[in-house]
Amino acid sequence: MKKIAVFVVLYVIIVISSISASLDKIKIDILSSVAHGLFGKKDIKVYLADSSFLEKIPEKKYNGLIFTDNCSASQLIIADSLKNLSKKCLKKSIFATNYPLYKSKYAIGALFWQKGRPVLILKKKALIKKHIKVGSNLEKYLQ
């Protein structure tokens, strides 16, 4: 009986970790699609300021995104907070990973989970102000 209980617990842990890993990959894939739709370039330099992404990046370059440790060298900043960003970084295009940061004047858009589903929204005025033209695949997310 103990062996069965241990087996069930291990199975549940493995299933949960694989689901979590696939959700992280989905998040990064969505962000890659958004970044390419906004900037229209083959390679986009991204600075991660969101702790939920830091350990989960598959590699330094993934799906056309080049992850950098220098926000000044990046084209897009993915953040959950403005706390650790310098004034230079605040002038960059900031993509929020939560709704409160999306509401700030610095964010151009957001991707976050609500009720188990991804929510993608883009600020039309902020994008116009930064001279970013949205690809046709992202127009339905403009607000």
N, C-alpha and C. Protein backbone atom coordinates (compact mmCIF):
# COMPACT_ATOMS: atom_id res chain seq x y z
N MET A 1 0.83 -1.19 0.00
CA MET A 1 0.00 0.00 0.00
C MET A 1 0.87 1.26 0.00
N LYS A 2 1.96 1.24 0.77
CA LYS A 2 2.86 2.39 0.82
C LYS A 2 3.51 2.63 -0.53
N LYS A 3 3.85 1.53 -1.23
CA LYS A 3 4.48 1.66 -2.53
C LYS A 3 3.54 2.33 -3.52
N ILE A 4 2.28 1.99 -3.46
CA ILE A 4 1.29 2.59 -4.36
C ILE A 4 1.14 4.08 -4.05
N ALA A 5 1.09 4.43 -2.78
CA ALA A 5 0.96 5.84 -2.39
C ALA A 5 2.18 6.64 -2.86
N VAL A 6 3.38 6.09 -2.69
CA VAL A 6 4.60 6.76 -3.13
C VAL A 6 4.58 6.93 -4.66
N PHE A 7 4.17 5.88 -5.37
CA PHE A 7 4.09 5.94 -6.82
C PHE A 7 3.12 7.03 -7.26
N VAL A 8 1.96 7.11 -6.64
CA VAL A 8 0.95 8.11 -7.00
C VAL A 8 1.49 9.52 -6.75
N VAL A 9 2.13 9.73 -5.61
CA VAL A 9 2.70 11.04 -5.28
C VAL A 9 3.76 11.43 -6.30
N LEU A 10 4.66 10.52 -6.64
CA LEU A 10 5.70 10.80 -7.63
C LEU A 10 5.09 11.10 -9.00
N TYR A 11 4.09 10.35 -9.38
CA TYR A 11 3.41 10.58 -10.65
C TYR A 11 2.80 11.97 -10.70
N VAL A 12 2.12 12.37 -9.64
CA VAL A 12 1.49 13.69 -9.58
C VAL A 12 2.55 14.79 -9.66
N ILE A 13 3.66 14.62 -8.96
CA ILE A 13 4.74 15.62 -9.01
C ILE A 13 5.30 15.74 -10.42
N ILE A 14 5.51 14.63 -11.08
CA ILE A 14 6.05 14.64 -12.45
C ILE A 14 5.07 15.31 -13.41
N VAL A 15 3.80 14.99 -13.30
CA VAL A 15 2.78 15.59 -14.17
C VAL A 15 2.70 17.09 -13.94
N ILE A 16 2.68 17.53 -12.69
CA ILE A 16 2.59 18.96 -12.39
C ILE A 16 3.81 19.70 -12.90
N SER A 17 5.00 19.13 -12.74
CA SER A 17 6.21 19.81 -13.21
C SER A 17 6.24 19.88 -14.73
N SER A 18 5.75 18.86 -15.42
CA SER A 18 5.74 18.91 -16.89
C SER A 18 4.72 19.92 -17.39
N ILE A 19 3.59 20.05 -16.71
CA ILE A 19 2.59 21.05 -17.08
C ILE A 19 3.17 22.44 -16.86
N SER A 20 3.85 22.65 -15.75
CA SER A 20 4.46 23.93 -15.45
C SER A 20 5.51 24.30 -16.50
N ALA A 21 6.33 23.34 -16.89
CA ALA A 21 7.36 23.59 -17.89
C ALA A 21 6.72 23.95 -19.23
N SER A 22 5.64 23.27 -19.61
CA SER A 22 5.00 23.58 -20.88
C SER A 22 4.32 24.95 -20.83
N LEU A 23 3.78 25.36 -19.68
CA LEU A 23 3.19 26.69 -19.56
C LEU A 23 4.25 27.77 -19.69
N ASP A 24 5.42 27.55 -19.13
CA ASP A 24 6.52 28.51 -19.28
C ASP A 24 6.92 28.64 -20.74
N LYS A 25 6.98 27.52 -21.44
CA LYS A 25 7.32 27.55 -22.86
C LYS A 25 6.25 28.30 -23.64
N ILE A 26 5.00 28.09 -23.30
CA ILE A 26 3.90 28.79 -23.96
C ILE A 26 4.02 30.29 -23.74
N LYS A 27 4.34 30.71 -22.51
CA LYS A 27 4.52 32.13 -22.21
C LYS A 27 5.62 32.74 -23.07
N ILE A 28 6.74 32.07 -23.15
CA ILE A 28 7.87 32.58 -23.93
C ILE A 28 7.53 32.59 -25.42
N ASP A 29 6.82 31.58 -25.89
CA ASP A 29 6.43 31.53 -27.30
C ASP A 29 5.45 32.67 -27.64
N ILE A 30 4.51 32.95 -26.76
CA ILE A 30 3.58 34.06 -26.97
C ILE A 30 4.34 35.38 -26.99
N LEU A 31 5.25 35.56 -26.04
CA LEU A 31 6.04 36.80 -26.00
C LEU A 31 6.90 36.94 -27.25
N SER A 32 7.42 35.84 -27.76
CA SER A 32 8.20 35.89 -28.99
C SER A 32 7.32 36.35 -30.16
N SER A 33 6.14 35.80 -30.24
CA SER A 33 5.21 36.18 -31.31
C SER A 33 4.84 37.66 -31.21
N VAL A 34 4.58 38.14 -29.99
CA VAL A 34 4.24 39.54 -29.77
C VAL A 34 5.42 40.44 -30.15
N ALA A 35 6.62 40.10 -29.69
CA ALA A 35 7.80 40.92 -29.97
C ALA A 35 8.04 41.02 -31.47
N HIS A 36 7.90 39.91 -32.18
CA HIS A 36 8.09 39.95 -33.63
C HIS A 36 6.97 40.73 -34.32
N GLY A 37 5.76 40.66 -33.79
CA GLY A 37 4.65 41.43 -34.34
C GLY A 37 4.79 42.92 -34.10
N LEU A 38 5.47 43.29 -33.02
CA LEU A 38 5.67 44.72 -32.71
C LEU A 38 6.87 45.31 -33.44
N PHE A 39 7.96 44.57 -33.48
CA PHE A 39 9.21 45.13 -34.01
C PHE A 39 9.52 44.68 -35.43
N GLY A 40 8.92 43.59 -35.87
CA GLY A 40 9.09 43.14 -37.24
C GLY A 40 10.51 42.79 -37.63
N LYS A 41 11.32 42.41 -36.68
CA LYS A 41 12.71 42.04 -36.97
C LYS A 41 12.91 40.56 -36.74
N LYS A 42 13.99 40.03 -37.35
CA LYS A 42 14.31 38.62 -37.19
C LYS A 42 14.76 38.32 -35.76
N ASP A 43 15.67 39.15 -35.24
CA ASP A 43 16.18 38.99 -33.88
C ASP A 43 15.85 40.22 -33.05
N ILE A 44 15.34 39.99 -31.86
CA ILE A 44 14.95 41.08 -30.96
C ILE A 44 15.64 40.87 -29.62
N LYS A 45 16.34 41.91 -29.16
CA LYS A 45 17.02 41.83 -27.87
C LYS A 45 16.02 42.14 -26.76
N VAL A 46 15.98 41.23 -25.79
CA VAL A 46 15.00 41.31 -24.70
C VAL A 46 15.73 41.29 -23.36
N TYR A 47 15.33 42.21 -22.49
CA TYR A 47 15.83 42.24 -21.11
C TYR A 47 14.71 41.74 -20.21
N LEU A 48 15.00 40.73 -19.40
CA LEU A 48 14.00 40.17 -18.50
C LEU A 48 14.14 40.76 -17.10
N ALA A 49 13.09 41.43 -16.65
CA ALA A 49 13.06 41.97 -15.30
C ALA A 49 11.91 41.34 -14.52
N ASP A 50 11.51 40.17 -14.93
CA ASP A 50 10.43 39.43 -14.27
C ASP A 50 11.03 38.15 -13.70
N SER A 51 10.99 38.03 -12.40
CA SER A 51 11.62 36.89 -11.73
C SER A 51 11.01 35.55 -12.15
N SER A 52 9.76 35.53 -12.58
CA SER A 52 9.15 34.26 -12.99
C SER A 52 9.74 33.75 -14.31
N PHE A 53 10.39 34.60 -15.07
CA PHE A 53 11.01 34.19 -16.32
C PHE A 53 12.49 33.86 -16.17
N LEU A 54 13.15 34.45 -15.20
CA LEU A 54 14.60 34.39 -15.15
C LEU A 54 15.17 32.98 -15.15
N GLU A 55 14.58 32.06 -14.40
CA GLU A 55 15.11 30.71 -14.34
C GLU A 55 14.57 29.84 -15.47
N LYS A 56 13.61 30.33 -16.22
CA LYS A 56 12.91 29.47 -17.16
C LYS A 56 13.26 29.72 -18.61
N ILE A 57 14.24 30.57 -18.88
CA ILE A 57 14.62 30.82 -20.26
C ILE A 57 15.34 29.57 -20.78
N PRO A 58 14.92 29.08 -21.92
CA PRO A 58 15.57 27.87 -22.43
C PRO A 58 17.05 28.07 -22.75
N GLU A 59 17.41 29.22 -23.28
CA GLU A 59 18.80 29.51 -23.63
C GLU A 59 18.92 31.01 -23.89
N LYS A 60 20.12 31.49 -24.19
CA LYS A 60 20.33 32.92 -24.43
C LYS A 60 19.64 33.42 -25.69
N LYS A 61 19.43 32.53 -26.65
CA LYS A 61 18.71 32.88 -27.87
C LYS A 61 17.62 31.83 -28.07
N TYR A 62 16.39 32.29 -28.23
CA TYR A 62 15.29 31.35 -28.38
C TYR A 62 14.22 31.97 -29.28
N ASN A 63 13.90 31.29 -30.35
CA ASN A 63 12.79 31.66 -31.21
C ASN A 63 12.86 33.13 -31.67
N GLY A 64 14.05 33.59 -32.01
CA GLY A 64 14.23 34.96 -32.49
C GLY A 64 14.40 35.99 -31.40
N LEU A 65 14.37 35.56 -30.14
CA LEU A 65 14.61 36.47 -29.02
C LEU A 65 16.03 36.25 -28.52
N ILE A 66 16.74 37.34 -28.31
CA ILE A 66 18.08 37.27 -27.74
C ILE A 66 18.00 37.91 -26.37
N PHE A 67 18.19 37.10 -25.33
CA PHE A 67 18.07 37.59 -23.97
C PHE A 67 19.39 38.23 -23.54
N THR A 68 19.29 39.46 -23.04
CA THR A 68 20.47 40.22 -22.65
C THR A 68 20.38 40.62 -21.18
N ASP A 69 21.54 40.84 -20.58
CA ASP A 69 21.60 41.28 -19.17
C ASP A 69 21.66 42.80 -19.06
N ASN A 70 21.64 43.49 -20.17
CA ASN A 70 21.78 44.94 -20.20
C ASN A 70 20.51 45.55 -20.78
N CYS A 71 19.74 46.25 -19.96
CA CYS A 71 18.48 46.81 -20.45
C CYS A 71 18.72 47.91 -21.47
N SER A 72 19.85 48.59 -21.40
CA SER A 72 20.15 49.65 -22.37
C SER A 72 20.34 49.10 -23.78
N ALA A 73 20.79 47.86 -23.88
CA ALA A 73 21.03 47.24 -25.18
C ALA A 73 19.79 46.54 -25.72
N SER A 74 18.72 46.51 -24.96
CA SER A 74 17.54 45.76 -25.37
C SER A 74 16.56 46.64 -26.14
N GLN A 75 15.70 45.98 -26.90
CA GLN A 75 14.61 46.66 -27.59
C GLN A 75 13.31 46.54 -26.80
N LEU A 76 13.22 45.49 -26.01
CA LEU A 76 12.01 45.22 -25.24
C LEU A 76 12.39 44.74 -23.85
N ILE A 77 11.68 45.27 -22.86
CA ILE A 77 11.87 44.85 -21.47
C ILE A 77 10.60 44.14 -21.02
N ILE A 78 10.77 42.96 -20.48
CA ILE A 78 9.64 42.21 -19.94
C ILE A 78 9.76 42.28 -18.43
N ALA A 79 8.75 42.88 -17.77
CA ALA A 79 8.88 43.16 -16.35
C ALA A 79 7.58 42.89 -15.60
N ASP A 80 7.75 42.60 -14.32
CA ASP A 80 6.61 42.47 -13.42
C ASP A 80 6.55 43.64 -12.44
N SER A 81 7.59 44.48 -12.44
CA SER A 81 7.68 45.62 -11.53
C SER A 81 8.68 46.62 -12.11
N LEU A 82 8.54 47.87 -11.70
CA LEU A 82 9.48 48.90 -12.14
C LEU A 82 10.59 49.14 -11.12
N LYS A 83 10.55 48.43 -10.00
CA LYS A 83 11.47 48.67 -8.89
C LYS A 83 12.93 48.62 -9.29
N ASN A 84 13.33 47.62 -10.04
CA ASN A 84 14.75 47.42 -10.34
C ASN A 84 15.18 48.00 -11.68
N LEU A 85 14.34 48.82 -12.29
CA LEU A 85 14.68 49.40 -13.58
C LEU A 85 15.21 50.83 -13.41
N SER A 86 16.30 51.12 -14.12
CA SER A 86 16.88 52.47 -14.06
C SER A 86 16.05 53.42 -14.92
N LYS A 87 16.35 54.71 -14.84
CA LYS A 87 15.61 55.70 -15.63
C LYS A 87 15.82 55.49 -17.12
N LYS A 88 17.02 55.03 -17.51
CA LYS A 88 17.27 54.72 -18.92
C LYS A 88 16.35 53.59 -19.38
N CYS A 89 16.18 52.61 -18.53
CA CYS A 89 15.34 51.47 -18.89
C CYS A 89 13.87 51.86 -19.02
N LEU A 90 13.44 52.82 -18.23
CA LEU A 90 12.05 53.24 -18.28
C LEU A 90 11.69 53.90 -19.61
N LYS A 91 12.69 54.33 -20.35
CA LYS A 91 12.45 54.94 -21.66
C LYS A 91 12.28 53.88 -22.76
N LYS A 92 12.63 52.66 -22.46
CA LYS A 92 12.50 51.56 -23.42
C LYS A 92 11.05 51.08 -23.47
N SER A 93 10.76 50.19 -24.42
CA SER A 93 9.44 49.59 -24.51
C SER A 93 9.33 48.51 -23.44
N ILE A 94 8.39 48.70 -22.51
CA ILE A 94 8.21 47.78 -21.39
C ILE A 94 6.92 46.99 -21.58
N PHE A 95 7.06 45.68 -21.52
CA PHE A 95 5.92 44.78 -21.65
C PHE A 95 5.67 44.17 -20.28
N ALA A 96 4.49 44.38 -19.73
CA ALA A 96 4.16 43.95 -18.37
C ALA A 96 3.71 42.50 -18.34
N THR A 97 3.97 41.86 -17.19
CA THR A 97 3.49 40.50 -16.99
C THR A 97 2.43 40.44 -15.90
N ASN A 98 1.86 41.60 -15.58
CA ASN A 98 0.74 41.66 -14.65
C ASN A 98 -0.09 42.91 -14.94
N TYR A 99 -1.33 42.90 -14.51
CA TYR A 99 -2.24 44.00 -14.82
C TYR A 99 -1.86 45.32 -14.13
N PRO A 100 -1.45 45.31 -12.86
CA PRO A 100 -1.07 46.58 -12.24
C PRO A 100 0.05 47.32 -12.98
N LEU A 101 1.06 46.60 -13.45
CA LEU A 101 2.12 47.25 -14.21
C LEU A 101 1.61 47.72 -15.57
N TYR A 102 0.71 46.98 -16.17
CA TYR A 102 0.11 47.38 -17.43
C TYR A 102 -0.55 48.75 -17.31
N LYS A 103 -1.15 49.02 -16.17
CA LYS A 103 -1.85 50.29 -15.95
C LYS A 103 -0.88 51.47 -15.81
N SER A 104 0.41 51.22 -15.61
CA SER A 104 1.38 52.31 -15.46
C SER A 104 1.60 52.98 -16.82
N LYS A 105 2.13 54.18 -16.78
CA LYS A 105 2.36 54.94 -18.02
C LYS A 105 3.53 54.39 -18.83
N TYR A 106 4.32 53.51 -18.27
CA TYR A 106 5.50 53.00 -18.95
C TYR A 106 5.23 51.79 -19.83
N ALA A 107 4.20 51.05 -19.57
CA ALA A 107 3.94 49.79 -20.27
C ALA A 107 3.29 50.02 -21.63
N ILE A 108 3.71 49.22 -22.60
CA ILE A 108 3.09 49.26 -23.93
C ILE A 108 2.08 48.14 -24.12
N GLY A 109 2.13 47.16 -23.22
CA GLY A 109 1.22 46.03 -23.31
C GLY A 109 1.45 45.07 -22.16
N ALA A 110 0.69 43.99 -22.16
CA ALA A 110 0.82 43.03 -21.07
C ALA A 110 0.41 41.64 -21.52
N LEU A 111 1.03 40.67 -20.88
CA LEU A 111 0.63 39.27 -21.00
C LEU A 111 0.61 38.71 -19.58
N PHE A 112 -0.57 38.27 -19.16
CA PHE A 112 -0.70 37.69 -17.82
C PHE A 112 -1.80 36.65 -17.86
N TRP A 113 -1.85 35.84 -16.83
CA TRP A 113 -2.85 34.78 -16.74
C TRP A 113 -3.98 35.24 -15.84
N GLN A 114 -5.21 35.01 -16.29
CA GLN A 114 -6.40 35.34 -15.51
C GLN A 114 -7.39 34.19 -15.67
N LYS A 115 -7.79 33.62 -14.56
CA LYS A 115 -8.71 32.48 -14.55
C LYS A 115 -8.18 31.34 -15.42
N GLY A 116 -6.87 31.11 -15.34
CA GLY A 116 -6.24 30.01 -16.05
C GLY A 116 -6.03 30.22 -17.54
N ARG A 117 -6.28 31.43 -18.02
CA ARG A 117 -6.12 31.72 -19.45
C ARG A 117 -5.18 32.88 -19.66
N PRO A 118 -4.43 32.85 -20.76
CA PRO A 118 -3.56 33.99 -21.05
C PRO A 118 -4.37 35.19 -21.53
N VAL A 119 -3.98 36.37 -21.07
CA VAL A 119 -4.61 37.62 -21.48
C VAL A 119 -3.52 38.47 -22.12
N LEU A 120 -3.75 38.89 -23.35
CA LEU A 120 -2.80 39.74 -24.06
C LEU A 120 -3.51 41.04 -24.41
N ILE A 121 -2.93 42.16 -23.98
CA ILE A 121 -3.49 43.47 -24.31
C ILE A 121 -2.35 44.43 -24.66
N LEU A 122 -2.63 45.30 -25.62
CA LEU A 122 -1.65 46.28 -26.07
C LEU A 122 -2.25 47.68 -25.97
N LYS A 123 -1.45 48.64 -25.54
CA LYS A 123 -1.90 50.03 -25.43
C LYS A 123 -1.65 50.75 -26.75
N LYS A 124 -2.71 51.10 -27.42
CA LYS A 124 -2.60 51.75 -28.72
C LYS A 124 -1.86 53.08 -28.62
N LYS A 125 -2.22 53.92 -27.64
CA LYS A 125 -1.59 55.23 -27.50
C LYS A 125 -0.10 55.12 -27.18
N ALA A 126 0.26 54.19 -26.32
CA ALA A 126 1.67 54.01 -25.96
C ALA A 126 2.49 53.54 -27.15
N LEU A 127 1.91 52.67 -27.96
CA LEU A 127 2.61 52.18 -29.14
C LEU A 127 2.80 53.29 -30.18
N ILE A 128 1.78 54.12 -30.35
CA ILE A 128 1.89 55.24 -31.27
C ILE A 128 2.96 56.22 -30.78
N LYS A 129 2.97 56.49 -29.48
CA LYS A 129 3.95 57.40 -28.89
C LYS A 129 5.39 56.91 -29.11
N LYS A 130 5.59 55.60 -29.07
CA LYS A 130 6.92 55.02 -29.26
C LYS A 130 7.20 54.68 -30.72
N HIS A 131 6.29 55.06 -31.61
CA HIS A 131 6.43 54.83 -33.06
C HIS A 131 6.57 53.35 -33.39
N ILE A 132 5.75 52.55 -32.74
CA ILE A 132 5.76 51.11 -32.99
C ILE A 132 4.49 50.77 -33.78
N LYS A 133 4.69 50.19 -34.95
CA LYS A 133 3.57 49.79 -35.79
C LYS A 133 3.24 48.33 -35.49
N VAL A 134 2.00 48.07 -35.21
CA VAL A 134 1.55 46.73 -34.84
C VAL A 134 1.26 45.91 -36.08
N GLY A 135 1.75 44.68 -36.08
CA GLY A 135 1.46 43.76 -37.16
C GLY A 135 -0.02 43.40 -37.18
N SER A 136 -0.52 43.00 -38.33
CA SER A 136 -1.95 42.70 -38.47
C SER A 136 -2.41 41.59 -37.53
N ASN A 137 -1.50 40.67 -37.18
CA ASN A 137 -1.88 39.58 -36.29
C ASN A 137 -2.13 40.04 -34.85
N LEU A 138 -1.71 41.25 -34.50
CA LEU A 138 -1.87 41.77 -33.13
C LEU A 138 -2.93 42.87 -33.01
N GLU A 139 -3.50 43.31 -34.12
CA GLU A 139 -4.45 44.42 -34.08
C GLU A 139 -5.65 44.16 -33.17
N LYS A 140 -6.08 42.93 -33.08
CA LYS A 140 -7.26 42.62 -32.26
C LYS A 140 -6.99 42.78 -30.76
N TYR A 141 -5.72 42.93 -30.36
CA TYR A 141 -5.37 43.07 -28.94
C TYR A 141 -5.18 44.54 -28.53
N LEU A 142 -5.35 45.46 -29.46
CA LEU A 142 -5.17 46.88 -29.16
C LEU A 142 -6.33 47.42 -28.33
N GLN A 143 -5.98 48.29 -27.39
CA GLN A 143 -7.01 48.96 -26.58
C GLN A 143 -6.70 50.43 -26.52
